[in-house]
Structure formats: structure tokens, C-alpha cells
Protein backbone atom coordinates (compact mmCIF):
# COMPACT_ATOMS: atom_id res chain seq x y z
CA MET A 1 86.10 62.32 107.88
CA LYS A 2 84.99 59.23 108.52
CA ALA A 3 85.82 56.33 106.10
CA THR A 4 82.01 55.78 105.70
CA THR A 5 81.31 59.20 104.38
CA ILE A 6 84.38 58.55 102.09
CA TYR A 7 82.82 55.80 100.70
CA PHE A 8 79.24 57.04 100.27
CA LEU A 9 81.11 59.92 98.70
CA CYS A 10 82.91 57.88 96.68
CA GLY A 11 79.44 56.36 95.06
CA TRP A 12 78.07 59.26 94.76
CA SER A 13 80.84 60.83 93.09
CA ALA A 14 80.60 57.39 90.92
CA VAL A 15 77.13 58.46 89.95
CA THR A 16 78.23 61.61 89.00
CA LEU A 17 81.01 60.35 86.27
CA ALA A 18 78.65 57.71 84.86
CA VAL A 19 75.81 60.35 83.79
CA ILE A 20 78.57 62.59 82.41
CA GLY A 21 80.08 59.76 80.63
CA ALA A 22 77.39 58.06 79.08
CA TYR A 23 75.94 61.73 78.05
CA SER A 24 79.70 62.48 76.30
CA GLN A 25 78.99 59.65 74.35
CA GLN A 26 75.64 59.77 73.88
CA GLN A 27 76.18 63.29 72.16
CA ARG A 28 78.98 61.82 70.21
CA ALA A 29 77.11 59.33 68.83
CA ARG A 30 74.62 62.21 67.74
CA ARG A 31 76.75 64.97 66.90
CA VAL A 32 79.78 62.98 65.40
CA SER A 33 79.02 60.08 64.46
CA ILE A 34 78.37 56.00 65.11
CA GLU A 35 81.48 54.28 63.65
CA GLY A 36 83.64 51.87 65.69
CA ILE A 37 80.69 51.91 68.36
CA SER A 38 79.60 48.31 68.98
CA LEU A 39 75.90 47.71 69.15
CA ALA A 40 76.30 44.36 71.91
CA THR A 41 77.74 45.76 73.89
CA TRP A 42 75.10 48.80 74.62
CA ILE A 43 72.83 46.39 74.27
CA MET A 44 74.26 44.49 77.33
CA PHE A 45 75.22 47.53 79.04
CA THR A 46 71.72 48.35 79.14
CA GLU A 47 70.56 45.43 80.14
CA MET A 48 72.90 45.07 83.15
CA GLY A 49 71.79 47.97 83.76
CA VAL A 50 68.58 47.02 84.66
CA PHE A 51 69.97 44.50 86.68
CA TRP A 52 71.96 46.70 88.99
CA ILE A 53 69.07 48.84 89.82
CA LEU A 54 67.27 45.84 91.11
CA TYR A 55 70.84 44.65 92.50
CA GLY A 56 70.53 48.09 94.38
CA CYS A 57 66.92 47.73 95.54
CA PHE A 58 68.01 44.53 97.03
CA ALA A 59 71.06 46.11 98.38
CA HIS A 60 69.12 49.75 99.74
CA SER A 61 72.15 51.13 98.12
CA TRP A 62 70.84 54.33 96.16
CA GLN A 63 74.40 54.50 94.74
CA ALA A 64 73.75 51.67 92.89
CA ILE A 65 70.54 52.52 91.94
CA MET A 66 70.75 55.82 90.12
CA GLY A 67 74.26 54.96 88.76
CA SER A 68 72.51 52.73 86.50
CA LEU A 69 68.93 54.82 86.11
CA LEU A 70 70.26 58.23 85.85
CA ILE A 71 72.08 56.43 82.31
CA LEU A 72 69.21 54.09 80.80
CA PRO A 73 67.59 57.23 78.13
CA LEU A 74 71.09 57.87 77.24
CA GLN A 75 72.32 54.41 76.91
CA ILE A 76 68.52 53.74 75.08
CA ASP A 77 69.32 56.81 72.69
CA VAL A 78 72.78 55.52 71.53
CA ILE A 79 71.05 51.73 70.93
CA MET A 80 67.89 53.57 68.65
CA ARG A 81 70.99 55.54 66.66
CA LEU A 82 72.50 52.35 66.03
CA LYS A 83 69.16 51.40 64.46
CA PHE A 84 68.85 47.76 66.34
CA TRP A 85 66.03 47.01 65.24
CA ASP A 86 68.54 46.14 61.22
CA ASP A 87 70.45 43.51 63.41
CA TRP A 88 68.35 41.60 65.81
CA LYS A 89 70.45 38.83 65.64
CA THR A 90 72.88 40.89 67.73
CA VAL A 91 69.71 41.81 70.11
CA ALA A 92 68.93 38.45 70.99
CA LYS A 93 72.30 36.80 71.25
CA SER A 94 73.29 39.84 73.73
CA SER A 95 70.01 39.01 75.82
CA VAL A 96 70.45 35.65 75.99
CA PHE A 97 73.98 36.21 77.44
CA ILE A 98 72.84 38.59 80.07
CA PHE A 99 70.12 36.51 81.11
CA VAL A 100 72.57 33.42 81.07
CA THR A 101 75.44 34.90 83.12
CA CYS A 102 73.44 37.98 85.13
CA VAL A 103 69.68 36.39 85.81
CA LEU A 104 69.93 32.97 86.01
CA PRO A 105 72.76 32.41 88.17
CA ALA A 106 70.59 34.55 90.74
CA LEU A 107 67.77 32.76 90.36
CA LEU A 108 69.68 29.69 91.55
CA TRP A 109 71.94 30.94 94.16
CA GLY A 110 70.56 34.11 94.62
CA TRP A 111 72.15 37.91 94.58
CA SER A 112 75.67 36.96 95.10
CA GLY A 113 75.78 34.55 92.54
CA GLY A 114 74.41 36.64 90.33
CA ILE A 115 76.64 39.79 90.98
CA TYR A 116 79.72 37.33 90.60
CA GLY A 117 78.01 35.97 86.92
CA THR A 118 77.94 40.09 86.37
CA ALA A 119 81.48 40.35 86.61
CA PHE A 120 82.37 37.63 83.68
CA ALA A 121 79.41 39.52 81.64
CA MET A 122 80.70 43.01 82.28
CA VAL A 123 84.39 41.77 80.66
CA ILE A 124 82.78 39.89 77.58
CA ASN A 125 80.12 42.42 77.20
CA ARG A 126 83.25 45.37 76.74
CA SER A 127 84.70 42.42 74.28
CA PRO A 128 82.34 43.21 71.37
CA GLN A 129 83.82 46.85 71.58
CA LEU A 130 87.20 45.71 72.10
CA ILE A 131 87.62 43.82 69.67
CA LYS A 132 85.91 46.08 67.24
CA LEU A 133 88.58 49.02 68.32
CA ILE A 134 91.58 46.37 67.05
CA LYS A 135 89.65 45.65 63.65
CA VAL A 136 88.63 48.93 62.50
CA ARG A 137 90.71 52.47 62.29
CA ASP A 138 87.45 54.34 61.72
CA ALA A 139 86.38 54.99 65.53
CA THR A 140 85.04 58.49 65.49
CA GLY A 141 81.75 57.59 67.06
CA VAL A 142 84.04 56.18 70.12
CA SER A 143 83.84 59.08 72.79
CA GLU A 144 87.28 59.19 74.95
CA ALA A 145 85.74 60.94 77.37
CA TYR A 146 83.62 58.01 78.11
CA TRP A 147 85.73 55.67 79.16
CA LEU A 148 88.03 57.87 80.47
CA ASN A 149 84.86 58.55 82.73
CA ALA A 150 84.26 54.89 83.41
CA VAL A 151 87.96 54.33 84.45
CA ILE A 152 87.91 56.77 87.06
CA ALA A 153 84.27 55.74 87.97
CA SER A 154 85.43 51.81 88.31
CA VAL A 155 88.06 53.47 90.92
CA LEU A 156 85.10 55.24 92.96
CA TRP A 157 83.11 52.17 92.39
CA VAL A 158 85.34 50.06 93.79
CA THR A 159 86.13 52.03 96.79
CA TYR A 160 82.50 52.40 97.44
CA TYR A 161 81.61 48.73 97.11
CA LEU A 162 84.42 47.34 98.92
CA GLY A 163 83.72 49.74 101.51
CA SER A 164 80.84 49.30 101.93
CA ASP A 165 80.91 45.12 102.26
CA TYR A 166 79.27 45.16 98.93
CA LEU A 167 81.93 42.39 98.26
CA ALA A 168 80.50 40.61 94.68
CA ALA A 169 79.87 44.09 93.24
CA GLY A 170 83.50 45.41 94.11
CA VAL A 171 84.79 41.91 92.34
CA ALA A 172 82.53 43.05 89.51
CA THR A 173 83.67 46.12 89.11
CA ILE A 174 87.46 45.37 89.47
CA CYS A 175 87.42 43.29 86.68
CA SER A 176 84.76 45.45 84.33
CA GLY A 177 87.48 48.41 84.77
CA THR A 178 90.63 46.51 83.50
CA THR A 179 89.02 46.16 80.36
CA ASN A 180 87.63 49.68 80.12
CA VAL A 181 91.64 51.04 80.35
CA PHE A 182 92.13 48.74 77.27
CA ILE A 183 89.33 49.91 75.77
CA LEU A 184 90.18 53.79 76.59
CA TYR A 185 93.98 53.30 75.42
CA LEU A 186 92.13 51.61 71.87
CA ALA A 187 89.97 54.36 71.65
CA TRP A 188 93.08 57.16 72.09
CA LEU A 189 95.34 55.40 69.59
CA ARG A 190 92.49 54.98 67.42
CA HIS A 191 91.44 58.48 67.39
CA ARG A 192 95.46 59.94 66.85
CA GLN A 193 95.90 57.54 64.11
CA PHE A 194 93.15 59.17 62.19
CA GLU A 195 94.17 62.72 63.12
CA LYS A 196 97.16 61.63 61.60
CA ILE A 197 95.89 60.00 58.14
CA ASN A 198 93.57 63.08 58.20
CA GLN A 199 96.54 65.45 58.34
CA SER A 200 98.70 63.46 55.97
CA ASN A 201 95.80 63.95 53.25
């Protein structure tokens, strides 16, 4: 099997995992709870998804386009369940942050500048979720399956991007993937702790 075929398959596998992961989080928010889910993180996920779609059009990468386009409705549904209209400050701050870190660098230095800015944004946008998991005991709304998929998908995206000579996108994904690992661990830890508390009661 040619290397280009492997990269191609990694890209579409990452798209598939992204959809499965986003669906698992959307379903958990719909059926179980929204407790522990960070509005700021999901606002930024959604806005960066639009940025990645535009980048995919520029880079002629259907994988980059579909990886964000297919999960956009699921992300919007999670945001709706978090009642974003009750917290306009978070929405405004998150949107300004994405503009400054992603859109502005792209306008000033081209797509590579925007993607390197996105690398920073992809770590920072996960920070509210990371901090929330550190602070709260009840994280029943946070889907472990989503973050596990995010970790595996990150590995596939990095393979695809670096193998296809999209260096900036590969670096951005390495940064976000590392943060995904920490969030997955904390979600797993909080769920185990919550189960022990319920069993003791």
C-alpha cells in the first residue's frame, strides 16, 4: 500500500471518528446531562470548525472540510442545550478570542499564520473544559467516548496532515491532541469518583 493511500485513509478515518465522537457527546448532553460541559469550549469548537472548513477549501482537502462540516450541527445542538443565550459574556469573549488567534493571523500572514494561531487556540479553547473538570465533582454530562475519539482522531489527523505536507495543521493538531489526553483522563477520573460516591450512598 502506498504512503499516500495510508495518509488518505487516515484522514477519512479521522473524519469518521470526529463524527462518532461529536455524536456521543451530543447524545450524552441530550439524554443524560449537561453537567460539566463547558460552554466556552463548545463555542470555540464550533467557530474553529468554520475556520477549518474554510482552510480545507483553500488547501483542497475534503477531509479537512468534512471533518468539521459533518459535526457542525452536533456542536450547535450541544451549544443550544447549554442555553448560550443566558451567557452572552462567554459567547462574546470566546468569539473575540477565536478572531484574534485564528482569523486575524490568517488575514495578516495567510493561512499558515492562521493555522499556527489555531494551534494556540486549540489548546486554550480546551482549557475551560480542563479547568471545569478540575473544579467540579459532577461531570456526568461529559462524554468519555467523545474525548477518547478525539485522542485517536488527533493521531490520525497528525498522520494525515504531516504525510500530506500540511505542516501547520499537523502542529496545531499535535498541540490540541495532547490537551485531549488530559481531558480524557480527568473525565474518566471524575466519572469513577462519581460512581464511588453513588455506590457509598
